[in-house]
Amino acid sequence: MDSLQEQIYFMQKEHDRCKLVYNFLLREFGQKHIHHFDKEISEKIDFSRAIVKSLQNLQSIRNEKDH
C-alpha cells in the first residue's frame, strides 16, 4: 500500500483535476449549459476534498502518536 503522504498527494491531484475540468467546462459552455455535468463534477470535487482532509487528519494523528 502507498504511504499516507502518497495517498494524500494522489487525492489532491485528483481534486485539482476535477476543479480544472469544471472550470474548463464553465469557461467553454457557461453555467447555463453545464448543468448536466455540474452536479457530478461538484460531488467529485467535494468527495476528493473530504478524502484529502480525512487523510491529512489521519496523518496528524499518526504524527502526534510518534512524538
PDB file of N, CA and C in Angstrom:
ATOM      1  N   MET A   1       0.839  -1.183   0.000  1.00  0.00           N
ATOM      2  CA  MET A   1       0.000   0.000   0.000  1.00  0.00           C
ATOM      3  C   MET A   1       0.883   1.245   0.000  1.00  0.00           C
ATOM      4  N   ASP A   2       0.419   2.249  -0.681  1.00  0.00           N
ATOM      5  CA  ASP A   2       1.160   3.503  -0.738  1.00  0.00           C
ATOM      6  C   ASP A   2       1.205   4.153   0.637  1.00  0.00           C
ATOM      7  N   SER A   3       2.228   4.944   0.835  1.00  0.00           N
ATOM      8  CA  SER A   3       2.326   5.666   2.091  1.00  0.00           C
ATOM      9  C   SER A   3       1.180   6.672   2.180  1.00  0.00           C
ATOM     10  N   LEU A   4       0.923   7.097   3.363  1.00  0.00           N
ATOM     11  CA  LEU A   4      -0.152   8.059   3.589  1.00  0.00           C
ATOM     12  C   LEU A   4       0.095   9.344   2.807  1.00  0.00           C
ATOM     13  N   GLN A   5       1.330   9.799   2.784  1.00  0.00           N
ATOM     14  CA  GLN A   5       1.660  11.024   2.059  1.00  0.00           C
ATOM     15  C   GLN A   5       1.412  10.850   0.558  1.00  0.00           C
ATOM     16  N   GLU A   6       1.726   9.679   0.023  1.00  0.00           N
ATOM     17  CA  GLU A   6       1.466   9.416  -1.401  1.00  0.00           C
ATOM     18  C   GLU A   6      -0.029   9.408  -1.694  1.00  0.00           C
ATOM     19  N   GLN A   7      -0.810   8.860  -0.785  1.00  0.00           N
ATOM     20  CA  GLN A   7      -2.263   8.848  -0.952  1.00  0.00           C
ATOM     21  C   GLN A   7      -2.816  10.274  -0.930  1.00  0.00           C
ATOM     22  N   ILE A   8      -2.307  11.084  -0.021  1.00  0.00           N
ATOM     23  CA  ILE A   8      -2.739  12.481   0.055  1.00  0.00           C
ATOM     24  C   ILE A   8      -2.393  13.196  -1.250  1.00  0.00           C
ATOM     25  N   TYR A   9      -1.174  12.992  -1.721  1.00  0.00           N
ATOM     26  CA  TYR A   9      -0.731  13.628  -2.963  1.00  0.00           C
ATOM     27  C   TYR A   9      -1.611  13.201  -4.138  1.00  0.00           C
ATOM     28  N   PHE A  10      -1.900  11.904  -4.247  1.00  0.00           N
ATOM     29  CA  PHE A  10      -2.740  11.399  -5.327  1.00  0.00           C
ATOM     30  C   PHE A  10      -4.136  12.015  -5.277  1.00  0.00           C
ATOM     31  N   MET A  11      -4.735  12.028  -4.100  1.00  0.00           N
ATOM     32  CA  MET A  11      -6.096  12.565  -3.980  1.00  0.00           C
ATOM     33  C   MET A  11      -6.120  14.071  -4.209  1.00  0.00           C
ATOM     34  N   GLN A  12      -5.082  14.761  -3.799  1.00  0.00           N
ATOM     35  CA  GLN A  12      -5.020  16.200  -4.039  1.00  0.00           C
ATOM     36  C   GLN A  12      -4.938  16.472  -5.543  1.00  0.00           C
ATOM     37  N   LYS A  13      -4.154  15.652  -6.262  1.00  0.00           N
ATOM     38  CA  LYS A  13      -4.077  15.796  -7.715  1.00  0.00           C
ATOM     39  C   LYS A  13      -5.438  15.513  -8.355  1.00  0.00           C
ATOM     40  N   GLU A  14      -6.135  14.507  -7.865  1.00  0.00           N
ATOM     41  CA  GLU A  14      -7.470  14.181  -8.380  1.00  0.00           C
ATOM     42  C   GLU A  14      -8.431  15.356  -8.152  1.00  0.00           C
ATOM     43  N   HIS A  15      -8.359  15.921  -6.971  1.00  0.00           N
ATOM     44  CA  HIS A  15      -9.188  17.078  -6.632  1.00  0.00           C
ATOM     45  C   HIS A  15      -8.882  18.250  -7.567  1.00  0.00           C
ATOM     46  N   ASP A  16      -7.605  18.511  -7.780  1.00  0.00           N
ATOM     47  CA  ASP A  16      -7.192  19.611  -8.655  1.00  0.00           C
ATOM     48  C   ASP A  16      -7.645  19.380 -10.099  1.00  0.00           C
ATOM     49  N   ARG A  17      -7.554  18.125 -10.559  1.00  0.00           N
ATOM     50  CA  ARG A  17      -8.011  17.812 -11.924  1.00  0.00           C
ATOM     51  C   ARG A  17      -9.509  18.049 -12.066  1.00  0.00           C
ATOM     52  N   CYS A  18     -10.277  17.662 -11.077  1.00  0.00           N
ATOM     53  CA  CYS A  18     -11.724  17.885 -11.115  1.00  0.00           C
ATOM     54  C   CYS A  18     -12.042  19.376 -11.209  1.00  0.00           C
ATOM     55  N   LYS A  19     -11.333  20.167 -10.429  1.00  0.00           N
ATOM     56  CA  LYS A  19     -11.558  21.614 -10.472  1.00  0.00           C
ATOM     57  C   LYS A  19     -11.186  22.183 -11.833  1.00  0.00           C
ATOM     58  N   LEU A  20     -10.092  21.688 -12.425  1.00  0.00           N
ATOM     59  CA  LEU A  20      -9.696  22.142 -13.759  1.00  0.00           C
ATOM     60  C   LEU A  20     -10.765  21.811 -14.798  1.00  0.00           C
ATOM     61  N   VAL A  21     -11.296  20.606 -14.734  1.00  0.00           N
ATOM     62  CA  VAL A  21     -12.351  20.199 -15.678  1.00  0.00           C
ATOM     63  C   VAL A  21     -13.571  21.083 -15.501  1.00  0.00           C
ATOM     64  N   TYR A  22     -13.966  21.285 -14.272  1.00  0.00           N
ATOM     65  CA  TYR A  22     -15.135  22.120 -14.009  1.00  0.00           C
ATOM     66  C   TYR A  22     -14.933  23.533 -14.546  1.00  0.00           C
ATOM     67  N   ASN A  23     -13.782  24.119 -14.251  1.00  0.00           N
ATOM     68  CA  ASN A  23     -13.507  25.483 -14.712  1.00  0.00           C
ATOM     69  C   ASN A  23     -13.433  25.555 -16.231  1.00  0.00           C
ATOM     70  N   PHE A  24     -12.857  24.529 -16.867  1.00  0.00           N
ATOM     71  CA  PHE A  24     -12.810  24.487 -18.322  1.00  0.00           C
ATOM     72  C   PHE A  24     -14.223  24.443 -18.904  1.00  0.00           C
ATOM     73  N   LEU A  25     -15.052  23.555 -18.382  1.00  0.00           N
ATOM     74  CA  LEU A  25     -16.430  23.452 -18.888  1.00  0.00           C
ATOM     75  C   LEU A  25     -17.193  24.748 -18.671  1.00  0.00           C
ATOM     76  N   LEU A  26     -16.980  25.349 -17.540  1.00  0.00           N
ATOM     77  CA  LEU A  26     -17.644  26.610 -17.232  1.00  0.00           C
ATOM     78  C   LEU A  26     -17.225  27.695 -18.221  1.00  0.00           C
ATOM     79  N   ARG A  27     -15.942  27.780 -18.517  1.00  0.00           N
ATOM     80  CA  ARG A  27     -15.442  28.772 -19.486  1.00  0.00           C
ATOM     81  C   ARG A  27     -15.959  28.492 -20.891  1.00  0.00           C
ATOM     82  N   GLU A  28     -15.931  27.222 -21.292  1.00  0.00           N
ATOM     83  CA  GLU A  28     -16.293  26.857 -22.659  1.00  0.00           C
ATOM     84  C   GLU A  28     -17.795  26.943 -22.920  1.00  0.00           C
ATOM     85  N   PHE A  29     -18.587  26.519 -21.961  1.00  0.00           N
ATOM     86  CA  PHE A  29     -20.022  26.383 -22.208  1.00  0.00           C
ATOM     87  C   PHE A  29     -20.896  27.311 -21.379  1.00  0.00           C
ATOM     88  N   GLY A  30     -20.347  27.870 -20.330  1.00  0.00           N
ATOM     89  CA  GLY A  30     -21.131  28.743 -19.464  1.00  0.00           C
ATOM     90  C   GLY A  30     -21.957  27.958 -18.469  1.00  0.00           C
ATOM     91  N   GLN A  31     -22.353  28.620 -17.408  1.00  0.00           N
ATOM     92  CA  GLN A  31     -23.109  27.990 -16.326  1.00  0.00           C
ATOM     93  C   GLN A  31     -24.404  27.360 -16.822  1.00  0.00           C
ATOM     94  N   LYS A  32     -25.062  28.019 -17.715  1.00  0.00           N
ATOM     95  CA  LYS A  32     -26.358  27.548 -18.214  1.00  0.00           C
ATOM     96  C   LYS A  32     -26.249  26.192 -18.915  1.00  0.00           C
ATOM     97  N   HIS A  33     -25.143  25.966 -19.608  1.00  0.00           N
ATOM     98  CA  HIS A  33     -25.020  24.776 -20.433  1.00  0.00           C
ATOM     99  C   HIS A  33     -24.279  23.613 -19.782  1.00  0.00           C
ATOM    100  N   ILE A  34     -23.742  23.803 -18.599  1.00  0.00           N
ATOM    101  CA  ILE A  34     -23.030  22.688 -17.958  1.00  0.00           C
ATOM    102  C   ILE A  34     -23.847  22.058 -16.831  1.00  0.00           C
ATOM    103  N   HIS A  35     -25.113  22.392 -16.751  1.00  0.00           N
ATOM    104  CA  HIS A  35     -25.907  21.884 -15.630  1.00  0.00           C
ATOM    105  C   HIS A  35     -25.970  20.358 -15.593  1.00  0.00           C
ATOM    106  N   HIS A  36     -25.795  19.682 -16.717  1.00  0.00           N
ATOM    107  CA  HIS A  36     -25.796  18.218 -16.724  1.00  0.00           C
ATOM    108  C   HIS A  36     -24.560  17.659 -16.022  1.00  0.00           C
ATOM    109  N   PHE A  37     -23.457  18.376 -16.130  1.00  0.00           N
ATOM    110  CA  PHE A  37     -22.204  17.922 -15.535  1.00  0.00           C
ATOM    111  C   PHE A  37     -21.959  18.521 -14.156  1.00  0.00           C
ATOM    112  N   ASP A  38     -22.615  19.629 -13.878  1.00  0.00           N
ATOM    113  CA  ASP A  38     -22.344  20.394 -12.662  1.00  0.00           C
ATOM    114  C   ASP A  38     -22.455  19.545 -11.405  1.00  0.00           C
ATOM    115  N   LYS A  39     -23.542  18.827 -11.254  1.00  0.00           N
ATOM    116  CA  LYS A  39     -23.753  18.052 -10.032  1.00  0.00           C
ATOM    117  C   LYS A  39     -22.699  16.960  -9.881  1.00  0.00           C
ATOM    118  N   GLU A  40     -22.432  16.239 -10.945  1.00  0.00           N
ATOM    119  CA  GLU A  40     -21.469  15.145 -10.879  1.00  0.00           C
ATOM    120  C   GLU A  40     -20.063  15.648 -10.567  1.00  0.00           C
ATOM    121  N   ILE A  41     -19.641  16.692 -11.245  1.00  0.00           N
ATOM    122  CA  ILE A  41     -18.298  17.221 -11.019  1.00  0.00           C
ATOM    123  C   ILE A  41     -18.200  17.854  -9.639  1.00  0.00           C
ATOM    124  N   SER A  42     -19.227  18.584  -9.232  1.00  0.00           N
ATOM    125  CA  SER A  42     -19.216  19.201  -7.897  1.00  0.00           C
ATOM    126  C   SER A  42     -19.140  18.143  -6.803  1.00  0.00           C
ATOM    127  N   GLU A  43     -19.878  17.047  -6.969  1.00  0.00           N
ATOM    128  CA  GLU A  43     -19.819  15.967  -5.990  1.00  0.00           C
ATOM    129  C   GLU A  43     -18.434  15.340  -5.950  1.00  0.00           C
ATOM    130  N   LYS A  44     -17.826  15.161  -7.104  1.00  0.00           N
ATOM    131  CA  LYS A  44     -16.478  14.582  -7.167  1.00  0.00           C
ATOM    132  C   LYS A  44     -15.466  15.521  -6.499  1.00  0.00           C
ATOM    133  N   ILE A  45     -15.607  16.820  -6.724  1.00  0.00           N
ATOM    134  CA  ILE A  45     -14.718  17.796  -6.077  1.00  0.00           C
ATOM    135  C   ILE A  45     -14.889  17.734  -4.559  1.00  0.00           C
ATOM    136  N   ASP A  46     -16.127  17.733  -4.093  1.00  0.00           N
ATOM    137  CA  ASP A  46     -16.384  17.674  -2.656  1.00  0.00           C
ATOM    138  C   ASP A  46     -15.874  16.369  -2.045  1.00  0.00           C
ATOM    139  N   PHE A  47     -16.100  15.264  -2.765  1.00  0.00           N
ATOM    140  CA  PHE A  47     -15.676  13.956  -2.278  1.00  0.00           C
ATOM    141  C   PHE A  47     -14.156  13.889  -2.175  1.00  0.00           C
ATOM    142  N   SER A  48     -13.456  14.328  -3.203  1.00  0.00           N
ATOM    143  CA  SER A  48     -11.993  14.271  -3.169  1.00  0.00           C
ATOM    144  C   SER A  48     -11.436  15.202  -2.099  1.00  0.00           C
ATOM    145  N   ARG A  49     -12.073  16.363  -1.908  1.00  0.00           N
ATOM    146  CA  ARG A  49     -11.638  17.285  -0.846  1.00  0.00           C
ATOM    147  C   ARG A  49     -11.821  16.634   0.525  1.00  0.00           C
ATOM    148  N   ALA A  50     -12.932  15.933   0.724  1.00  0.00           N
ATOM    149  CA  ALA A  50     -13.186  15.267   2.001  1.00  0.00           C
ATOM    150  C   ALA A  50     -12.174  14.151   2.254  1.00  0.00           C
ATOM    151  N   ILE A  51     -11.817  13.415   1.214  1.00  0.00           N
ATOM    152  CA  ILE A  51     -10.821  12.352   1.372  1.00  0.00           C
ATOM    153  C   ILE A  51      -9.462  12.945   1.734  1.00  0.00           C
ATOM    154  N   VAL A  52      -9.071  14.007   1.056  1.00  0.00           N
ATOM    155  CA  VAL A  52      -7.792  14.661   1.360  1.00  0.00           C
ATOM    156  C   VAL A  52      -7.793  15.118   2.815  1.00  0.00           C
ATOM    157  N   LYS A  53      -8.865  15.747   3.242  1.00  0.00           N
ATOM    158  CA  LYS A  53      -8.953  16.235   4.623  1.00  0.00           C
ATOM    159  C   LYS A  53      -8.866  15.080   5.619  1.00  0.00           C
ATOM    160  N   SER A  54      -9.557  13.982   5.340  1.00  0.00           N
ATOM    161  CA  SER A  54      -9.509  12.818   6.226  1.00  0.00           C
ATOM    162  C   SER A  54      -8.112  12.217   6.298  1.00  0.00           C
ATOM    163  N   LEU A  55      -7.462  12.109   5.147  1.00  0.00           N
ATOM    164  CA  LEU A  55      -6.098  11.579   5.133  1.00  0.00           C
ATOM    165  C   LEU A  55      -5.140  12.492   5.885  1.00  0.00           C
ATOM    166  N   GLN A  56      -5.314  13.795   5.741  1.00  0.00           N
ATOM    167  CA  GLN A  56      -4.464  14.741   6.470  1.00  0.00           C
ATOM    168  C   GLN A  56      -4.700  14.635   7.972  1.00  0.00           C
ATOM    169  N   ASN A  57      -5.963  14.449   8.374  1.00  0.00           N
ATOM    170  CA  ASN A  57      -6.271  14.267   9.798  1.00  0.00           C
ATOM    171  C   ASN A  57      -5.620  12.990  10.333  1.00  0.00           C
ATOM    172  N   LEU A  58      -5.699  11.922   9.542  1.00  0.00           N
ATOM    173  CA  LEU A  58      -5.069  10.667   9.931  1.00  0.00           C
ATOM    174  C   LEU A  58      -3.565  10.843  10.064  1.00  0.00           C
ATOM    175  N   GLN A  59      -2.973  11.565   9.136  1.00  0.00           N
ATOM    176  CA  GLN A  59      -1.543  11.822   9.191  1.00  0.00           C
ATOM    177  C   GLN A  59      -1.181  12.607  10.457  1.00  0.00           C
ATOM    178  N   SER A  60      -1.996  13.589  10.797  1.00  0.00           N
ATOM    179  CA  SER A  60      -1.751  14.374  12.020  1.00  0.00           C
ATOM    180  C   SER A  60      -1.823  13.489  13.260  1.00  0.00           C
ATOM    181  N   ILE A  61      -2.805  12.613  13.299  1.00  0.00           N
ATOM    182  CA  ILE A  61      -2.956  11.704  14.437  1.00  0.00           C
ATOM    183  C   ILE A  61      -1.743  10.795  14.544  1.00  0.00           C
ATOM    184  N   ARG A  62      -1.307  10.251  13.411  1.00  0.00           N
ATOM    185  CA  ARG A  62      -0.126   9.385  13.417  1.00  0.00           C
ATOM    186  C   ARG A  62       1.117  10.147  13.866  1.00  0.00           C
ATOM    187  N   ASN A  63       1.246  11.374  13.414  1.00  0.00           N
ATOM    188  CA  ASN A  63       2.410  12.194  13.799  1.00  0.00           C
ATOM    189  C   ASN A  63       2.399  12.489  15.288  1.00  0.00           C
ATOM    190  N   GLU A  64       1.214  12.732  15.862  1.00  0.00           N
ATOM    191  CA  GLU A  64       1.103  13.006  17.293  1.00  0.00           C
ATOM    192  C   GLU A  64       1.481  11.766  18.105  1.00  0.00           C
ATOM    193  N   LYS A  65       1.097  10.587  17.615  1.00  0.00           N
ATOM    194  CA  LYS A  65       1.428   9.349  18.326  1.00  0.00           C
ATOM    195  C   LYS A  65       2.915   9.064  18.274  1.00  0.00           C
ATOM    196  N   ASP A  66       3.571   9.477  17.198  1.00  0.00           N
ATOM    197  CA  ASP A  66       5.004   9.251  17.039  1.00  0.00           C
ATOM    198  C   ASP A  66       5.841  10.153  17.939  1.00  0.00           C
ATOM    199  N   HIS A  67       5.249  11.237  18.402  1.00  0.00           N
ATOM    200  CA  HIS A  67       6.021  12.191  19.223  1.00  0.00           C
ATOM    201  C   HIS A  67       5.759  11.995  20.655  1.00  0.00           C
TER     202      HIS A  67
END
